[in-house]
Protein backbone atom coordinates (compact mmCIF):
# COMPACT_ATOMS: atom_id res chain seq x y z
CA MET A 1 -12.99 -13.84 22.76
CA THR A 2 -13.58 -15.27 18.91
CA PRO A 3 -10.58 -14.32 16.98
CA VAL A 4 -11.29 -11.22 14.58
CA SER A 5 -9.61 -12.06 11.09
CA ILE A 6 -9.24 -8.93 8.45
CA ASP A 7 -8.36 -8.98 5.08
CA CYS A 8 -5.45 -6.19 3.99
CA PRO A 9 -5.56 -4.73 0.79
CA ALA A 10 -2.60 -3.41 -1.37
CA LYS A 11 -2.51 -0.08 -2.85
CA ILE A 12 -1.23 2.03 -5.94
CA ASN A 13 -0.09 5.32 -6.36
CA LEU A 14 -1.60 6.85 -9.28
CA PHE A 15 0.39 10.17 -8.53
CA LEU A 16 3.10 10.90 -6.46
CA ARG A 17 5.29 13.60 -5.86
CA ILE A 18 7.88 14.94 -3.20
CA LEU A 19 7.64 18.22 -1.47
CA ALA A 20 10.04 18.63 0.86
CA ARG A 21 12.31 16.91 3.43
CA GLU A 22 12.12 17.23 6.99
CA ASP A 23 15.47 17.42 9.62
CA SER A 24 13.75 13.96 10.65
CA GLY A 25 14.73 12.38 7.67
CA HIS A 26 10.40 11.89 6.99
CA HIS A 27 9.30 13.59 3.42
CA GLN A 28 6.09 15.55 2.84
CA ILE A 29 4.20 13.65 -0.16
CA GLU A 30 1.24 14.78 -2.22
CA THR A 31 -0.40 11.39 -3.74
CA PHE A 32 -4.12 9.60 -4.73
CA PHE A 33 -3.90 6.21 -2.84
CA LEU A 34 -6.36 3.47 -4.69
CA ALA A 35 -6.72 0.29 -2.23
CA VAL A 36 -6.78 -3.15 -4.97
CA GLY A 37 -7.55 -6.66 -4.39
CA LEU A 38 -4.34 -7.97 -3.85
CA TYR A 39 -4.18 -9.04 0.06
CA ASP A 40 -2.56 -9.72 3.18
CA ARG A 41 -4.66 -11.84 6.37
CA VAL A 42 -4.10 -10.40 9.78
CA THR A 43 -5.94 -12.80 12.66
CA VAL A 44 -5.86 -11.36 16.15
CA GLU A 45 -6.52 -13.69 18.98
CA PRO A 46 -6.25 -13.80 22.91
CA GLY A 47 -3.19 -14.87 24.43
CA ASP A 48 -0.26 -15.38 27.11
CA GLU A 49 1.27 -12.42 28.52
CA GLY A 50 3.08 -10.35 25.92
CA ILE A 51 2.60 -10.39 21.94
CA ALA A 52 3.64 -13.31 19.96
CA LEU A 53 3.50 -13.02 15.88
CA LYS A 54 3.14 -15.61 13.80
CA VAL A 55 4.07 -15.00 10.02
CA GLU A 56 3.33 -17.76 6.82
CA ALA A 57 2.93 -17.16 3.37
CA LEU A 58 0.09 -16.98 1.53
CA SER A 59 -0.39 -20.39 -0.35
CA GLY A 60 -0.62 -19.98 -4.50
CA ALA A 61 0.58 -16.53 -4.36
CA ALA A 62 1.56 -15.17 -7.87
CA ALA A 63 5.10 -13.92 -6.17
CA PRO A 64 5.76 -15.87 -2.73
CA VAL A 65 6.75 -13.94 0.29
CA SER A 66 9.31 -15.65 2.24
CA PRO A 67 8.72 -14.99 6.52
CA ASP A 68 12.64 -14.82 6.91
CA SER A 69 12.38 -11.96 4.66
CA LEU A 70 10.68 -9.46 6.83
CA GLY A 71 12.96 -9.35 9.23
CA PRO A 72 12.61 -9.59 13.46
CA PRO A 73 9.20 -9.80 14.77
CA GLU A 74 9.95 -6.67 16.72
CA ASP A 75 10.15 -4.85 14.05
CA ASN A 76 7.48 -6.42 11.83
CA THR A 77 4.17 -3.23 11.70
CA ALA A 78 1.74 -5.81 12.39
CA TYR A 79 3.46 -6.20 15.89
CA ARG A 80 4.37 -2.68 16.10
CA ALA A 81 0.95 -1.70 15.67
CA ALA A 82 -0.07 -4.36 18.42
CA GLN A 83 2.20 -2.63 20.93
CA ALA A 84 0.92 0.72 20.02
CA PHE A 85 -3.07 -0.24 20.11
CA HIS A 86 -2.43 -2.00 23.60
CA ALA A 87 -0.82 1.10 25.06
CA ALA A 88 -3.10 3.43 23.78
CA ALA A 89 -6.03 1.34 24.95
CA GLY A 90 -4.17 0.97 28.69
CA LEU A 91 -4.94 -2.71 28.16
CA PRO A 92 -1.99 -5.21 29.14
CA PRO A 93 -0.27 -6.76 26.04
CA ALA A 94 -1.83 -10.94 25.82
CA THR A 95 -2.35 -11.05 22.19
CA VAL A 96 -1.55 -13.79 19.34
CA VAL A 97 -0.85 -11.68 15.82
CA SER A 98 -1.19 -14.25 12.62
CA LEU A 99 -0.32 -12.72 9.45
CA VAL A 100 -0.46 -14.76 5.98
CA LYS A 101 1.43 -12.52 3.97
CA GLY A 102 0.19 -12.71 -0.21
CA ILE A 103 1.71 -8.79 -0.56
CA PRO A 104 5.42 -9.06 -2.19
CA PRO A 105 7.60 -6.70 0.57
CA GLY A 106 9.81 -3.80 -1.10
CA THR A 107 7.38 -3.06 -4.01
CA GLY A 108 5.57 -0.01 -2.91
CA LEU A 109 2.19 -1.73 -2.78
CA GLY A 110 1.97 -1.22 1.36
CA GLY A 111 1.62 -4.36 2.63
CA ALA A 112 3.42 -3.84 5.74
CA SER A 113 0.90 -0.32 6.12
CA SER A 114 -2.29 -2.18 5.12
CA ASP A 115 -0.98 -5.01 8.16
CA ALA A 116 -0.56 -2.74 10.73
CA ALA A 117 -4.12 -0.75 10.02
CA GLY A 118 -6.01 -4.14 9.49
CA THR A 119 -3.71 -5.05 13.23
CA LEU A 120 -5.50 -1.93 14.97
CA ALA A 121 -8.39 -2.36 13.43
CA ALA A 122 -8.92 -6.14 14.43
CA LEU A 123 -7.54 -5.62 18.01
CA ASN A 124 -10.17 -2.83 18.38
CA LEU A 125 -13.19 -5.07 17.35
CA LEU A 126 -11.59 -7.85 19.72
CA HIS A 127 -11.73 -5.83 22.58
CA GLY A 128 -14.93 -4.12 22.08
CA GLU A 129 -13.69 -1.12 20.18
CA PRO A 130 -11.82 0.97 23.07
CA LEU A 131 -11.09 3.37 20.71
CA SER A 132 -12.89 5.37 18.03
CA ARG A 133 -12.71 5.09 14.61
CA THR A 134 -10.80 8.06 14.25
CA ASP A 135 -8.27 7.06 16.86
CA LEU A 136 -6.94 4.47 14.57
CA PRO A 137 -5.23 6.99 11.59
CA ALA A 138 -3.44 9.14 14.44
CA ILE A 139 -2.10 5.87 15.51
CA GLY A 140 -1.12 4.40 12.82
CA GLY A 141 0.58 7.39 11.28
CA ASP A 142 3.49 6.70 13.85
CA ILE A 143 3.81 3.53 12.42
CA GLY A 144 4.07 4.04 8.69
CA SER A 145 3.47 6.95 6.22
CA ASP A 146 0.67 4.90 4.17
CA VAL A 147 -1.09 3.47 7.82
CA PRO A 148 -3.57 6.43 8.02
CA PHE A 149 -4.72 5.64 4.42
CA PHE A 150 -5.68 1.90 5.22
CA SER A 151 -6.86 3.19 8.68
CA SER A 152 -9.50 5.06 6.95
CA GLY A 153 -10.88 2.21 5.39
CA ALA A 154 -11.34 4.31 1.89
CA PRO A 155 -10.83 2.79 -1.16
CA ALA A 156 -9.97 5.85 -2.57
CA ALA A 157 -8.09 8.99 -1.54
CA MET A 158 -6.00 12.08 -2.42
CA ALA A 159 -3.26 12.79 0.26
CA TRP A 160 -0.80 15.04 1.69
CA GLY A 161 1.75 15.62 4.48
CA ARG A 162 3.41 12.60 5.23
CA GLY A 163 0.17 10.54 3.76
CA ASP A 164 -1.97 11.60 6.88
CA ARG A 165 -4.17 14.23 5.34
CA LEU A 166 -6.44 12.18 3.57
CA LEU A 167 -9.34 13.43 1.23
CA PRO A 168 -11.51 10.19 0.55
CA CYS A 169 -12.98 10.25 -2.73
CA PRO A 170 -15.82 8.59 -4.12
CA PRO A 171 -15.53 5.31 -6.59
CA LEU A 172 -14.99 6.35 -9.91
CA GLY A 173 -16.40 2.89 -11.42
CA PRO A 174 -15.26 -0.31 -11.95
CA ALA A 175 -11.68 -0.89 -13.08
CA SER A 176 -8.92 -3.48 -12.73
CA VAL A 177 -4.87 -3.47 -12.51
CA VAL A 178 -2.46 -5.07 -13.74
CA ILE A 179 0.69 -5.39 -11.14
CA ALA A 180 3.70 -6.58 -12.24
CA ILE A 181 6.34 -7.60 -9.50
CA PRO A 182 10.00 -7.21 -10.40
CA SER A 183 12.96 -9.53 -9.37
CA GLU A 184 14.77 -7.11 -7.54
CA ARG A 185 13.05 -4.93 -4.79
CA THR A 186 13.53 -1.37 -3.55
CA PRO A 187 14.39 -0.21 0.14
CA THR A 188 11.75 2.59 0.73
CA ALA A 189 14.25 4.57 3.12
CA SER A 190 17.11 4.59 0.27
CA ALA A 191 14.79 5.25 -2.48
CA TYR A 192 13.48 8.21 -0.77
CA ALA A 193 16.89 9.38 0.05
CA SER A 194 18.54 9.30 -3.32
CA THR A 195 15.47 10.58 -5.20
CA SER A 196 14.70 13.68 -2.85
CA ALA A 197 18.42 14.64 -3.14
CA LYS A 198 17.75 14.96 -6.89
CA LEU A 199 14.98 16.93 -6.53
CA THR A 200 14.79 21.20 -5.74
CA LEU A 201 12.97 21.11 -2.34
CA PRO A 202 10.64 22.45 -1.16
CA ALA A 203 7.99 22.07 -3.86
CA ARG A 204 4.63 23.39 -4.17
CA PRO A 205 1.47 21.03 -4.32
CA ALA A 206 1.14 21.36 -8.21
CA VAL A 207 -1.51 18.71 -9.15
CA LEU A 208 -4.28 17.63 -6.64
CA SER A 209 -6.05 21.11 -5.63
CA GLY A 210 -8.62 19.40 -3.28
CA ALA A 211 -11.20 18.36 -6.11
CA ALA A 212 -12.15 14.84 -6.45
CA PRO A 213 -11.21 13.75 -10.10
CA PRO A 214 -14.80 12.75 -11.69
CA ASP A 215 -13.62 9.86 -13.49
CA TRP A 216 -10.24 8.10 -14.43
CA ASP A 217 -9.44 9.64 -17.50
CA ALA A 218 -9.36 12.88 -15.66
CA LEU A 219 -7.42 11.14 -13.10
CA ALA A 220 -5.30 9.79 -15.75
CA ARG A 221 -3.78 13.09 -16.73
CA LEU A 222 -3.18 13.60 -13.35
CA CYS A 223 -0.57 10.48 -13.13
CA GLY A 224 2.81 10.35 -12.42
CA ASN A 225 5.38 9.44 -9.72
CA ASP A 226 9.10 11.24 -8.72
CA PHE A 227 10.67 8.10 -8.26
CA GLU A 228 10.39 6.38 -11.92
CA ASP A 229 13.12 8.60 -13.58
CA GLU A 230 15.34 6.58 -10.77
CA ALA A 231 13.99 3.49 -10.88
CA PHE A 232 13.41 3.27 -14.66
CA ARG A 233 17.37 3.77 -15.10
CA ARG A 234 17.85 1.05 -12.48
CA MET A 235 15.65 -1.16 -13.52
CA PRO A 236 14.78 -0.68 -17.56
CA VAL A 237 12.04 -3.42 -17.34
CA LEU A 238 9.66 -1.38 -15.64
CA ALA A 239 10.20 1.19 -18.13
CA GLU A 240 9.59 -1.60 -20.81
CA THR A 241 6.59 -3.15 -18.59
CA CYS A 242 4.77 0.49 -18.53
CA ALA A 243 5.27 0.78 -22.01
CA LEU A 244 3.73 -2.56 -22.85
CA LEU A 245 0.70 -1.82 -20.50
CA LYS A 246 -0.06 1.22 -22.07
CA SER A 247 -0.18 -0.31 -25.27
CA ALA A 248 -2.21 -2.89 -24.18
CA GLY A 249 -4.78 -0.52 -23.51
CA ALA A 250 -4.19 1.06 -19.64
CA VAL A 251 -5.72 4.36 -19.00
CA SER A 252 -2.40 4.89 -16.66
CA ALA A 253 0.36 3.28 -16.11
CA GLY A 254 3.49 3.50 -13.67
CA LEU A 255 5.53 3.14 -10.40
CA THR A 256 3.54 2.72 -7.36
CA GLY A 257 4.90 3.87 -4.07
CA SER A 258 8.84 4.24 -4.31
CA GLY A 259 8.89 0.63 -6.32
CA SER A 260 10.08 -1.62 -7.33
CA ALA A 261 6.70 -2.45 -8.43
CA VAL A 262 4.49 -1.27 -11.78
CA PHE A 263 0.62 -0.94 -12.43
CA GLY A 264 -1.53 -0.87 -15.26
CA LEU A 265 -5.06 0.54 -14.73
CA PHE A 266 -7.66 -0.73 -17.29
CA THR A 267 -11.50 0.06 -17.60
CA ALA A 268 -12.06 -1.98 -21.07
CA ARG A 269 -13.16 -5.31 -19.84
CA GLY A 270 -10.73 -8.18 -20.35
CA ALA A 271 -8.01 -5.98 -21.54
CA ALA A 272 -6.04 -6.49 -18.18
CA GLY A 273 -6.42 -10.20 -18.44
CA ARG A 274 -4.92 -10.34 -22.21
CA SER A 275 -1.91 -8.27 -21.39
CA VAL A 276 -0.69 -10.41 -18.30
CA ALA A 277 0.63 -12.91 -20.12
CA ARG A 278 2.83 -10.48 -22.13
CA VAL A 279 4.00 -8.76 -19.21
CA GLN A 280 5.04 -12.44 -17.82
CA GLU A 281 7.47 -12.94 -20.75
CA LEU A 282 9.67 -10.19 -19.59
CA ASN A 283 13.22 -10.95 -18.38
CA GLY A 284 12.86 -9.33 -14.91
CA ILE A 285 9.87 -9.86 -14.03
CA ASP A 286 8.80 -12.39 -11.51
CA ALA A 287 5.02 -12.28 -11.46
CA ALA A 288 1.98 -10.67 -13.05
CA VAL A 289 -1.59 -10.56 -11.40
CA VAL A 290 -4.95 -8.86 -12.41
CA VAL A 291 -6.73 -7.47 -9.57
CA PRO A 292 -10.10 -5.19 -8.91
CA VAL A 293 -10.19 -2.14 -8.08
CA LEU A 294 -11.61 -1.82 -4.55
CA ASP A 295 -14.85 0.13 -4.45
CA ARG A 296 -15.90 0.40 -0.82
CA SER A 297 -14.71 0.40 2.45
CA TRP A 298 -12.41 -2.77 3.37
CA LEU A 299 -12.72 -2.17 6.67
CA PRO A 300 -15.32 -4.26 9.18
CA MET A 301 -17.61 -2.16 11.19
CA GLY A 302 -18.17 -2.98 15.12
């Protein structure tokens, strides 16, 4: 079989609100996902018995990722996705998964979830698509809350529940995103625990009505993130970065996911690029990059 490679994009959350905390420790949310052109790359190919995972850092990445920081292979979402695929497809595991990391972990950019979705899709193609495209998001939901979004291939979507109830949205037009990566990272589980403890839960969905916003300005009026108060208090440079991006012309700016990266969304040509150097000069920001908003599905079709 010919190896299958997939570029796995990052995401930002233009809106993120916690609605409820489950006894299981999971949370119910409402959010707006937007896929952006910052990538990991996953390659799958037949191997000997079992699943082998190889991880390396993307050469020249703006914020280099140390493979040693990702923990043991069996905890990696790409490895878990390979296990889940073989179990669901009824195939004995004999796979090599090679992962090139360009999306920094602990930043709220969804790299781990995107890796899992890419691994599921790549293995499905490698084996002649024994699973349907609708099977993959359901399998991915057991690996991570953001995996169903990435498994859908949608460039943008509103989401509810654990992030698994999706309403894909049509492209809103060309846009660029400045992503700022701070020196300090945020563990997702602890961010959810500390933030939800300060909220009055359960809460009613209040912003996302189920009708897709008609344009970027309408979407910007919805923007907000329940994690920002705690993250900005702990890392004031994040609030400073958002203020700088807004002053530079960003339609919206804020924290993505549970942190710690922040973004600025720009629709004016050239404005994003002009703001990057200023962001990089801020003390506590490791790197800043300009990436495009994706306007079509990123998953290859069989």
